[in-house]
Structures are given as structure tokens and as C-alpha cells.
mmCIF file of all heavy atoms, coordinates in Angstrom:
data_MODEL
# 
_entry.id   MODEL 
# 
loop_
_atom_site.group_PDB 
_atom_site.id 
_atom_site.type_symbol 
_atom_site.label_atom_id 
_atom_site.label_alt_id 
_atom_site.label_comp_id 
_atom_site.label_asym_id 
_atom_site.label_entity_id 
_atom_site.label_seq_id 
_atom_site.pdbx_PDB_ins_code 
_atom_site.Cartn_x 
_atom_site.Cartn_y 
_atom_site.Cartn_z 
_atom_site.occupancy 
_atom_site.B_iso_or_equiv 
_atom_site.pdbx_formal_charge 
_atom_site.auth_seq_id 
_atom_site.auth_comp_id 
_atom_site.auth_asym_id 
_atom_site.auth_atom_id 
_atom_site.pdbx_PDB_model_num 
ATOM 1   N N   . ASP A 1 1  ? 0.870  -1.165 0.000   1.00 0.00 ? 1  ASP A N   1 
ATOM 2   C CA  . ASP A 1 1  ? 0.000  0.000  0.000   1.00 0.00 ? 1  ASP A CA  1 
ATOM 3   C C   . ASP A 1 1  ? 0.908  1.216  0.000   1.00 0.00 ? 1  ASP A C   1 
ATOM 4   O O   . ASP A 1 1  ? 1.963  1.213  0.632   1.00 0.00 ? 1  ASP A O   1 
ATOM 5   C CB  . ASP A 1 1  ? -0.900 0.012  1.243   1.00 0.00 ? 1  ASP A CB  1 
ATOM 6   C CG  . ASP A 1 1  ? -1.843 -1.176 1.262   1.00 0.00 ? 1  ASP A CG  1 
ATOM 7   O OD1 . ASP A 1 1  ? -2.649 -1.312 0.326   1.00 0.00 ? 1  ASP A OD1 1 
ATOM 8   O OD2 . ASP A 1 1  ? -1.764 -1.979 2.213   1.00 0.00 ? 1  ASP A OD2 1 
ATOM 9   N N   . LEU A 1 2  ? 0.481  2.238  -0.683  1.00 0.00 ? 2  LEU A N   1 
ATOM 10  C CA  . LEU A 1 2  ? 1.275  3.448  -0.801  1.00 0.00 ? 2  LEU A CA  1 
ATOM 11  C C   . LEU A 1 2  ? 0.404  4.645  -0.429  1.00 0.00 ? 2  LEU A C   1 
ATOM 12  O O   . LEU A 1 2  ? -0.711 4.782  -0.921  1.00 0.00 ? 2  LEU A O   1 
ATOM 13  C CB  . LEU A 1 2  ? 1.778  3.585  -2.235  1.00 0.00 ? 2  LEU A CB  1 
ATOM 14  C CG  . LEU A 1 2  ? 2.574  4.813  -2.609  1.00 0.00 ? 2  LEU A CG  1 
ATOM 15  C CD1 . LEU A 1 2  ? 3.843  4.913  -1.790  1.00 0.00 ? 2  LEU A CD1 1 
ATOM 16  C CD2 . LEU A 1 2  ? 2.901  4.773  -4.096  1.00 0.00 ? 2  LEU A CD2 1 
ATOM 17  N N   . ILE A 1 3  ? 0.918  5.461  0.471   1.00 0.00 ? 3  ILE A N   1 
ATOM 18  C CA  . ILE A 1 3  ? 0.270  6.730  0.809   1.00 0.00 ? 3  ILE A CA  1 
ATOM 19  C C   . ILE A 1 3  ? 1.219  7.840  0.388   1.00 0.00 ? 3  ILE A C   1 
ATOM 20  O O   . ILE A 1 3  ? 2.386  7.847  0.789   1.00 0.00 ? 3  ILE A O   1 
ATOM 21  C CB  . ILE A 1 3  ? -0.044 6.833  2.313   1.00 0.00 ? 3  ILE A CB  1 
ATOM 22  C CG1 . ILE A 1 3  ? -1.025 5.741  2.739   1.00 0.00 ? 3  ILE A CG1 1 
ATOM 23  C CG2 . ILE A 1 3  ? -0.610 8.219  2.644   1.00 0.00 ? 3  ILE A CG2 1 
ATOM 24  C CD1 . ILE A 1 3  ? -1.285 5.674  4.245   1.00 0.00 ? 3  ILE A CD1 1 
ATOM 25  N N   . ILE A 1 4  ? 0.713  8.755  -0.432  1.00 0.00 ? 4  ILE A N   1 
ATOM 26  C CA  . ILE A 1 4  ? 1.503  9.898  -0.889  1.00 0.00 ? 4  ILE A CA  1 
ATOM 27  C C   . ILE A 1 4  ? 0.912  11.145 -0.249  1.00 0.00 ? 4  ILE A C   1 
ATOM 28  O O   . ILE A 1 4  ? -0.279 11.415 -0.380  1.00 0.00 ? 4  ILE A O   1 
ATOM 29  C CB  . ILE A 1 4  ? 1.471  10.023 -2.424  1.00 0.00 ? 4  ILE A CB  1 
ATOM 30  C CG1 . ILE A 1 4  ? 2.058  8.768  -3.071  1.00 0.00 ? 4  ILE A CG1 1 
ATOM 31  C CG2 . ILE A 1 4  ? 2.232  11.278 -2.870  1.00 0.00 ? 4  ILE A CG2 1 
ATOM 32  C CD1 . ILE A 1 4  ? 1.922  8.736  -4.581  1.00 0.00 ? 4  ILE A CD1 1 
ATOM 33  N N   . VAL A 1 5  ? 1.757  11.888 0.454   1.00 0.00 ? 5  VAL A N   1 
ATOM 34  C CA  . VAL A 1 5  ? 1.316  13.097 1.149   1.00 0.00 ? 5  VAL A CA  1 
ATOM 35  C C   . VAL A 1 5  ? 1.983  14.309 0.500   1.00 0.00 ? 5  VAL A C   1 
ATOM 36  O O   . VAL A 1 5  ? 3.206  14.400 0.466   1.00 0.00 ? 5  VAL A O   1 
ATOM 37  C CB  . VAL A 1 5  ? 1.677  13.047 2.649   1.00 0.00 ? 5  VAL A CB  1 
ATOM 38  C CG1 . VAL A 1 5  ? 1.210  14.310 3.358   1.00 0.00 ? 5  VAL A CG1 1 
ATOM 39  C CG2 . VAL A 1 5  ? 1.086  11.809 3.305   1.00 0.00 ? 5  VAL A CG2 1 
ATOM 40  N N   . ILE A 1 6  ? 1.152  15.211 0.005   1.00 0.00 ? 6  ILE A N   1 
ATOM 41  C CA  . ILE A 1 6  ? 1.654  16.451 -0.587  1.00 0.00 ? 6  ILE A CA  1 
ATOM 42  C C   . ILE A 1 6  ? 0.999  17.628 0.128   1.00 0.00 ? 6  ILE A C   1 
ATOM 43  O O   . ILE A 1 6  ? -0.227 17.757 0.136   1.00 0.00 ? 6  ILE A O   1 
ATOM 44  C CB  . ILE A 1 6  ? 1.337  16.538 -2.096  1.00 0.00 ? 6  ILE A CB  1 
ATOM 45  C CG1 . ILE A 1 6  ? 1.991  15.397 -2.859  1.00 0.00 ? 6  ILE A CG1 1 
ATOM 46  C CG2 . ILE A 1 6  ? 1.760  17.892 -2.666  1.00 0.00 ? 6  ILE A CG2 1 
ATOM 47  C CD1 . ILE A 1 6  ? 3.497  15.475 -2.929  1.00 0.00 ? 6  ILE A CD1 1 
ATOM 48  N N   . ASN A 1 7  ? 1.825  18.450 0.736   1.00 0.00 ? 7  ASN A N   1 
ATOM 49  C CA  . ASN A 1 7  ? 1.382  19.696 1.358   1.00 0.00 ? 7  ASN A CA  1 
ATOM 50  C C   . ASN A 1 7  ? 2.031  20.856 0.609   1.00 0.00 ? 7  ASN A C   1 
ATOM 51  O O   . ASN A 1 7  ? 3.025  20.674 -0.097  1.00 0.00 ? 7  ASN A O   1 
ATOM 52  C CB  . ASN A 1 7  ? 1.776  19.747 2.831   1.00 0.00 ? 7  ASN A CB  1 
ATOM 53  C CG  . ASN A 1 7  ? 1.014  18.749 3.665   1.00 0.00 ? 7  ASN A CG  1 
ATOM 54  O OD1 . ASN A 1 7  ? -0.144 18.450 3.409   1.00 0.00 ? 7  ASN A OD1 1 
ATOM 55  N ND2 . ASN A 1 7  ? 1.665  18.211 4.675   1.00 0.00 ? 7  ASN A ND2 1 
ATOM 56  N N   . ASP A 1 8  ? 1.479  22.039 0.808   1.00 0.00 ? 8  ASP A N   1 
ATOM 57  C CA  . ASP A 1 8  ? 2.085  23.229 0.206   1.00 0.00 ? 8  ASP A CA  1 
ATOM 58  C C   . ASP A 1 8  ? 2.222  24.345 1.233   1.00 0.00 ? 8  ASP A C   1 
ATOM 59  O O   . ASP A 1 8  ? 1.998  25.504 0.940   1.00 0.00 ? 8  ASP A O   1 
ATOM 60  C CB  . ASP A 1 8  ? 1.312  23.692 -1.022  1.00 0.00 ? 8  ASP A CB  1 
ATOM 61  C CG  . ASP A 1 8  ? -0.099 24.175 -0.712  1.00 0.00 ? 8  ASP A CG  1 
ATOM 62  O OD1 . ASP A 1 8  ? -0.566 24.010 0.438   1.00 0.00 ? 8  ASP A OD1 1 
ATOM 63  O OD2 . ASP A 1 8  ? -0.746 24.734 -1.612  1.00 0.00 ? 8  ASP A OD2 1 
ATOM 64  N N   . ASN A 1 9  ? 2.607  23.957 2.439   1.00 0.00 ? 9  ASN A N   1 
ATOM 65  C CA  . ASN A 1 9  ? 2.907  24.955 3.461   1.00 0.00 ? 9  ASN A CA  1 
ATOM 66  C C   . ASN A 1 9  ? 4.168  25.714 3.050   1.00 0.00 ? 9  ASN A C   1 
ATOM 67  O O   . ASN A 1 9  ? 4.905  25.271 2.172   1.00 0.00 ? 9  ASN A O   1 
ATOM 68  C CB  . ASN A 1 9  ? 3.118  24.275 4.820   1.00 0.00 ? 9  ASN A CB  1 
ATOM 69  C CG  . ASN A 1 9  ? 1.848  23.611 5.310   1.00 0.00 ? 9  ASN A CG  1 
ATOM 70  O OD1 . ASN A 1 9  ? 0.793  24.225 5.353   1.00 0.00 ? 9  ASN A OD1 1 
ATOM 71  N ND2 . ASN A 1 9  ? 1.951  22.336 5.669   1.00 0.00 ? 9  ASN A ND2 1 
ATOM 72  N N   . SER A 1 10 ? 4.435  26.818 3.702   1.00 0.00 ? 10 SER A N   1 
ATOM 73  C CA  . SER A 1 10 ? 5.587  27.627 3.299   1.00 0.00 ? 10 SER A CA  1 
ATOM 74  C C   . SER A 1 10 ? 6.892  26.835 3.369   1.00 0.00 ? 10 SER A C   1 
ATOM 75  O O   . SER A 1 10 ? 7.779  27.015 2.531   1.00 0.00 ? 10 SER A O   1 
ATOM 76  C CB  . SER A 1 10 ? 5.678  28.896 4.146   1.00 0.00 ? 10 SER A CB  1 
ATOM 77  O OG  . SER A 1 10 ? 5.824  28.577 5.508   1.00 0.00 ? 10 SER A OG  1 
ATOM 78  N N   . GLN A 1 11 ? 7.022  25.915 4.316   1.00 0.00 ? 11 GLN A N   1 
ATOM 79  C CA  . GLN A 1 11 ? 8.242  25.116 4.436   1.00 0.00 ? 11 GLN A CA  1 
ATOM 80  C C   . GLN A 1 11 ? 8.407  24.140 3.271   1.00 0.00 ? 11 GLN A C   1 
ATOM 81  O O   . GLN A 1 11 ? 9.508  23.711 2.955   1.00 0.00 ? 11 GLN A O   1 
ATOM 82  C CB  . GLN A 1 11 ? 8.262  24.309 5.743   1.00 0.00 ? 11 GLN A CB  1 
ATOM 83  C CG  . GLN A 1 11 ? 8.140  25.136 6.985   1.00 0.00 ? 11 GLN A CG  1 
ATOM 84  C CD  . GLN A 1 11 ? 6.688  25.224 7.456   1.00 0.00 ? 11 GLN A CD  1 
ATOM 85  O OE1 . GLN A 1 11 ? 5.760  25.368 6.668   1.00 0.00 ? 11 GLN A OE1 1 
ATOM 86  N NE2 . GLN A 1 11 ? 6.493  25.172 8.759   1.00 0.00 ? 11 GLN A NE2 1 
ATOM 87  N N   . ASP A 1 12 ? 7.274  23.761 2.656   1.00 0.00 ? 12 ASP A N   1 
ATOM 88  C CA  . ASP A 1 12 ? 7.311  22.826 1.530   1.00 0.00 ? 12 ASP A CA  1 
ATOM 89  C C   . ASP A 1 12 ? 7.592  23.544 0.219   1.00 0.00 ? 12 ASP A C   1 
ATOM 90  O O   . ASP A 1 12 ? 8.047  22.926 -0.736  1.00 0.00 ? 12 ASP A O   1 
ATOM 91  C CB  . ASP A 1 12 ? 5.958  22.118 1.372   1.00 0.00 ? 12 ASP A CB  1 
ATOM 92  C CG  . ASP A 1 12 ? 5.550  21.351 2.602   1.00 0.00 ? 12 ASP A CG  1 
ATOM 93  O OD1 . ASP A 1 12 ? 6.336  20.513 3.052   1.00 0.00 ? 12 ASP A OD1 1 
ATOM 94  O OD2 . ASP A 1 12 ? 4.436  21.589 3.108   1.00 0.00 ? 12 ASP A OD2 1 
ATOM 95  N N   . GLY A 1 13 ? 7.252  24.812 0.169   1.00 0.00 ? 13 GLY A N   1 
ATOM 96  C CA  . GLY A 1 13 ? 7.209  25.538 -1.096  1.00 0.00 ? 13 GLY A CA  1 
ATOM 97  C C   . GLY A 1 13 ? 5.774  25.483 -1.593  1.00 0.00 ? 13 GLY A C   1 
ATOM 98  O O   . GLY A 1 13 ? 5.165  24.418 -1.615  1.00 0.00 ? 13 GLY A O   1 
ATOM 99  N N   . THR A 1 14 ? 5.233  26.604 -1.932  1.00 0.00 ? 14 THR A N   1 
ATOM 100 C CA  . THR A 1 14 ? 3.805  26.656 -2.275  1.00 0.00 ? 14 THR A CA  1 
ATOM 101 C C   . THR A 1 14 ? 3.521  26.256 -3.723  1.00 0.00 ? 14 THR A C   1 
ATOM 102 O O   . THR A 1 14 ? 2.374  26.061 -4.086  1.00 0.00 ? 14 THR A O   1 
ATOM 103 C CB  . THR A 1 14 ? 3.234  28.062 -2.012  1.00 0.00 ? 14 THR A CB  1 
ATOM 104 O OG1 . THR A 1 14 ? 4.007  29.014 -2.746  1.00 0.00 ? 14 THR A OG1 1 
ATOM 105 C CG2 . THR A 1 14 ? 3.284  28.395 -0.522  1.00 0.00 ? 14 THR A CG2 1 
ATOM 106 N N   . ASP A 1 15 ? 4.548  26.106 -4.527  1.00 0.00 ? 15 ASP A N   1 
ATOM 107 C CA  . ASP A 1 15 ? 4.371  25.682 -5.912  1.00 0.00 ? 15 ASP A CA  1 
ATOM 108 C C   . ASP A 1 15 ? 4.619  24.183 -5.997  1.00 0.00 ? 15 ASP A C   1 
ATOM 109 O O   . ASP A 1 15 ? 5.743  23.714 -5.827  1.00 0.00 ? 15 ASP A O   1 
ATOM 110 C CB  . ASP A 1 15 ? 5.346  26.437 -6.810  1.00 0.00 ? 15 ASP A CB  1 
ATOM 111 C CG  . ASP A 1 15 ? 5.261  26.013 -8.270  1.00 0.00 ? 15 ASP A CG  1 
ATOM 112 O OD1 . ASP A 1 15 ? 4.368  25.220 -8.627  1.00 0.00 ? 15 ASP A OD1 1 
ATOM 113 O OD2 . ASP A 1 15 ? 6.111  26.479 -9.057  1.00 0.00 ? 15 ASP A OD2 1 
ATOM 114 N N   . VAL A 1 16 ? 3.571  23.419 -6.241  1.00 0.00 ? 16 VAL A N   1 
ATOM 115 C CA  . VAL A 1 16 ? 3.722  21.964 -6.336  1.00 0.00 ? 16 VAL A CA  1 
ATOM 116 C C   . VAL A 1 16 ? 3.659  21.484 -7.788  1.00 0.00 ? 16 VAL A C   1 
ATOM 117 O O   . VAL A 1 16 ? 3.444  20.305 -8.043  1.00 0.00 ? 16 VAL A O   1 
ATOM 118 C CB  . VAL A 1 16 ? 2.672  21.219 -5.471  1.00 0.00 ? 16 VAL A CB  1 
ATOM 119 C CG1 . VAL A 1 16 ? 2.872  21.517 -4.001  1.00 0.00 ? 16 VAL A CG1 1 
ATOM 120 C CG2 . VAL A 1 16 ? 1.265  21.519 -5.923  1.00 0.00 ? 16 VAL A CG2 1 
ATOM 121 N N   . SER A 1 17 ? 3.883  22.385 -8.724  1.00 0.00 ? 17 SER A N   1 
ATOM 122 C CA  . SER A 1 17 ? 3.829  22.003 -10.135 1.00 0.00 ? 17 SER A CA  1 
ATOM 123 C C   . SER A 1 17 ? 4.878  20.949 -10.486 1.00 0.00 ? 17 SER A C   1 
ATOM 124 O O   . SER A 1 17 ? 4.735  20.238 -11.478 1.00 0.00 ? 17 SER A O   1 
ATOM 125 C CB  . SER A 1 17 ? 3.978  23.233 -11.039 1.00 0.00 ? 17 SER A CB  1 
ATOM 126 O OG  . SER A 1 17 ? 5.236  23.838 -10.847 1.00 0.00 ? 17 SER A OG  1 
ATOM 127 N N   . TRP A 1 18 ? 5.902  20.803 -9.660  1.00 0.00 ? 18 TRP A N   1 
ATOM 128 C CA  . TRP A 1 18 ? 6.944  19.806 -9.898  1.00 0.00 ? 18 TRP A CA  1 
ATOM 129 C C   . TRP A 1 18 ? 6.395  18.384 -9.907  1.00 0.00 ? 18 TRP A C   1 
ATOM 130 O O   . TRP A 1 18 ? 7.046  17.484 -10.454 1.00 0.00 ? 18 TRP A O   1 
ATOM 131 C CB  . TRP A 1 18 ? 8.072  19.939 -8.875  1.00 0.00 ? 18 TRP A CB  1 
ATOM 132 C CG  . TRP A 1 18 ? 7.618  19.848 -7.450  1.00 0.00 ? 18 TRP A CG  1 
ATOM 133 C CD1 . TRP A 1 18 ? 7.301  20.879 -6.632  1.00 0.00 ? 18 TRP A CD1 1 
ATOM 134 C CD2 . TRP A 1 18 ? 7.408  18.657 -6.691  1.00 0.00 ? 18 TRP A CD2 1 
ATOM 135 N NE1 . TRP A 1 18 ? 6.909  20.402 -5.401  1.00 0.00 ? 18 TRP A NE1 1 
ATOM 136 C CE2 . TRP A 1 18 ? 6.958  19.045 -5.411  1.00 0.00 ? 18 TRP A CE2 1 
ATOM 137 C CE3 . TRP A 1 18 ? 7.550  17.298 -6.959  1.00 0.00 ? 18 TRP A CE3 1 
ATOM 138 C CZ2 . TRP A 1 18 ? 6.649  18.122 -4.418  1.00 0.00 ? 18 TRP A CZ2 1 
ATOM 139 C CZ3 . TRP A 1 18 ? 7.245  16.370 -5.970  1.00 0.00 ? 18 TRP A CZ3 1 
ATOM 140 C CH2 . TRP A 1 18 ? 6.799  16.802 -4.713  1.00 0.00 ? 18 TRP A CH2 1 
ATOM 141 N N   . ILE A 1 19 ? 5.218  18.156 -9.325  1.00 0.00 ? 19 ILE A N   1 
ATOM 142 C CA  . ILE A 1 19 ? 4.671  16.786 -9.331  1.00 0.00 ? 19 ILE A CA  1 
ATOM 143 C C   . ILE A 1 19 ? 4.442  16.291 -10.760 1.00 0.00 ? 19 ILE A C   1 
ATOM 144 O O   . ILE A 1 19 ? 4.405  15.085 -10.996 1.00 0.00 ? 19 ILE A O   1 
ATOM 145 C CB  . ILE A 1 19 ? 3.385  16.637 -8.483  1.00 0.00 ? 19 ILE A CB  1 
ATOM 146 C CG1 . ILE A 1 19 ? 2.232  17.453 -9.035  1.00 0.00 ? 19 ILE A CG1 1 
ATOM 147 C CG2 . ILE A 1 19 ? 3.672  16.969 -7.015  1.00 0.00 ? 19 ILE A CG2 1 
ATOM 148 C CD1 . ILE A 1 19 ? 0.898  17.242 -8.317  1.00 0.00 ? 19 ILE A CD1 1 
ATOM 149 N N   . TRP A 1 20 ? 4.314  17.217 -11.718 1.00 0.00 ? 20 TRP A N   1 
ATOM 150 C CA  . TRP A 1 20 ? 4.121  16.835 -13.112 1.00 0.00 ? 20 TRP A CA  1 
ATOM 151 C C   . TRP A 1 20 ? 5.418  16.366 -13.750 1.00 0.00 ? 20 TRP A C   1 
ATOM 152 O O   . TRP A 1 20 ? 5.406  15.764 -14.836 1.00 0.00 ? 20 TRP A O   1 
ATOM 153 C CB  . TRP A 1 20 ? 3.474  17.982 -13.892 1.00 0.00 ? 20 TRP A CB  1 
ATOM 154 C CG  . TRP A 1 20 ? 2.072  18.192 -13.409 1.00 0.00 ? 20 TRP A CG  1 
ATOM 155 C CD1 . TRP A 1 20 ? 1.665  19.053 -12.430 1.00 0.00 ? 20 TRP A CD1 1 
ATOM 156 C CD2 . TRP A 1 20 ? 0.926  17.467 -13.814 1.00 0.00 ? 20 TRP A CD2 1 
ATOM 157 N NE1 . TRP A 1 20 ? 0.316  18.908 -12.214 1.00 0.00 ? 20 TRP A NE1 1 
ATOM 158 C CE2 . TRP A 1 20 ? -0.169 17.946 -13.056 1.00 0.00 ? 20 TRP A CE2 1 
ATOM 159 C CE3 . TRP A 1 20 ? 0.686  16.456 -14.751 1.00 0.00 ? 20 TRP A CE3 1 
ATOM 160 C CZ2 . TRP A 1 20 ? -1.460 17.456 -13.203 1.00 0.00 ? 20 TRP A CZ2 1 
ATOM 161 C CZ3 . TRP A 1 20 ? -0.601 15.980 -14.898 1.00 0.00 ? 20 TRP A CZ3 1 
ATOM 162 C CH2 . TRP A 1 20 ? -1.657 16.472 -14.130 1.00 0.00 ? 20 TRP A CH2 1 
ATOM 163 N N   . ASP A 1 21 ? 6.543  16.587 -13.096 1.00 0.00 ? 21 ASP A N   1 
ATOM 164 C CA  . ASP A 1 21 ? 7.835  16.138 -13.606 1.00 0.00 ? 21 ASP A CA  1 
ATOM 165 C C   . ASP A 1 21 ? 8.240  14.773 -13.050 1.00 0.00 ? 21 ASP A C   1 
ATOM 166 O O   . ASP A 1 21 ? 9.208  14.178 -13.516 1.00 0.00 ? 21 ASP A O   1 
ATOM 167 C CB  . ASP A 1 21 ? 8.925  17.151 -13.257 1.00 0.00 ? 21 ASP A CB  1 
ATOM 168 C CG  . ASP A 1 21 ? 8.671  18.504 -13.896 1.00 0.00 ? 21 ASP A CG  1 
ATOM 169 O OD1 . ASP A 1 21 ? 8.145  18.538 -15.029 1.00 0.00 ? 21 ASP A OD1 1 
ATOM 170 O OD2 . ASP A 1 21 ? 8.980  19.529 -13.260 1.00 0.00 ? 21 ASP A OD2 1 
ATOM 171 N N   . VAL A 1 22 ? 7.509  14.272 -12.071 1.00 0.00 ? 22 VAL A N   1 
ATOM 172 C CA  . VAL A 1 22 ? 7.812  12.969 -11.467 1.00 0.00 ? 22 VAL A CA  1 
ATOM 173 C C   . VAL A 1 22 ? 7.282  11.861 -12.378 1.00 0.00 ? 22 VAL A C   1 
ATOM 174 O O   . VAL A 1 22 ? 6.176  11.962 -12.914 1.00 0.00 ? 22 VAL A O   1 
ATOM 175 C CB  . VAL A 1 22 ? 7.170  12.854 -10.059 1.00 0.00 ? 22 VAL A CB  1 
ATOM 176 C CG1 . VAL A 1 22 ? 7.423  11.474 -9.461  1.00 0.00 ? 22 VAL A CG1 1 
ATOM 177 C CG2 . VAL A 1 22 ? 7.699  13.943 -9.142  1.00 0.00 ? 22 VAL A CG2 1 
ATOM 178 N N   . ASP A 1 23 ? 8.042  10.808 -12.530 1.00 0.00 ? 23 ASP A N   1 
ATOM 179 C CA  . ASP A 1 23 ? 7.637  9.680  -13.376 1.00 0.00 ? 23 ASP A CA  1 
ATOM 180 C C   . ASP A 1 23 ? 6.757  8.705  -12.580 1.00 0.00 ? 23 ASP A C   1 
ATOM 181 O O   . ASP A 1 23 ? 7.171  7.595  -12.256 1.00 0.00 ? 23 ASP A O   1 
ATOM 182 C CB  . ASP A 1 23 ? 8.876  8.982  -13.927 1.00 0.00 ? 23 ASP A CB  1 
ATOM 183 C CG  . ASP A 1 23 ? 8.534  7.944  -14.985 1.00 0.00 ? 23 ASP A CG  1 
ATOM 184 O OD1 . ASP A 1 23 ? 7.342  7.806  -15.343 1.00 0.00 ? 23 ASP A OD1 1 
ATOM 185 O OD2 . ASP A 1 23 ? 9.463  7.265  -15.455 1.00 0.00 ? 23 ASP A OD2 1 
ATOM 186 N N   . PHE A 1 24 ? 5.546  9.152  -12.264 1.00 0.00 ? 24 PHE A N   1 
ATOM 187 C CA  . PHE A 1 24 ? 4.625  8.310  -11.501 1.00 0.00 ? 24 PHE A CA  1 
ATOM 188 C C   . PHE A 1 24 ? 4.134  7.113  -12.306 1.00 0.00 ? 24 PHE A C   1 
ATOM 189 O O   . PHE A 1 24 ? 3.600  6.163  -11.741 1.00 0.00 ? 24 PHE A O   1 
ATOM 190 C CB  . PHE A 1 24 ? 3.433  9.129  -11.003 1.00 0.00 ? 24 PHE A CB  1 
ATOM 191 C CG  . PHE A 1 24 ? 3.767  10.039 -9.858  1.00 0.00 ? 24 PHE A CG  1 
ATOM 192 C CD1 . PHE A 1 24 ? 3.785  11.417 -10.036 1.00 0.00 ? 24 PHE A CD1 1 
ATOM 193 C CD2 . PHE A 1 24 ? 4.070  9.537  -8.606  1.00 0.00 ? 24 PHE A CD2 1 
ATOM 194 C CE1 . PHE A 1 24 ? 4.092  12.267 -8.982  1.00 0.00 ? 24 PHE A CE1 1 
ATOM 195 C CE2 . PHE A 1 24 ? 4.382  10.369 -7.548  1.00 0.00 ? 24 PHE A CE2 1 
ATOM 196 C CZ  . PHE A 1 24 ? 4.397  11.743 -7.743  1.00 0.00 ? 24 PHE A CZ  1 
ATOM 197 N N   . GLY A 1 25 ? 4.319  7.122  -13.604 1.00 0.00 ? 25 GLY A N   1 
ATOM 198 C CA  . GLY A 1 25 ? 3.935  5.978  -14.420 1.00 0.00 ? 25 GLY A CA  1 
ATOM 199 C C   . GLY A 1 25 ? 4.654  4.699  -14.033 1.00 0.00 ? 25 GLY A C   1 
ATOM 200 O O   . GLY A 1 25 ? 4.132  3.603  -14.249 1.00 0.00 ? 25 GLY A O   1 
# 
């Protein structure tokens, strides 16, 4: 089982557009 947690708090960086560059395929 896989749980993926994505937050965009200031410590994370508020731009999460990088998820489109990950090879989730």
C-alpha cells in the first residue's frame, strides 16, 4: 500500500507544479 502526502505549506514551497515532472507511471 502506498500513501503519498503532498502539502504546500511555506516550508514545503507553495508551488507543487513539480509533481508533473515525477515519473509516476
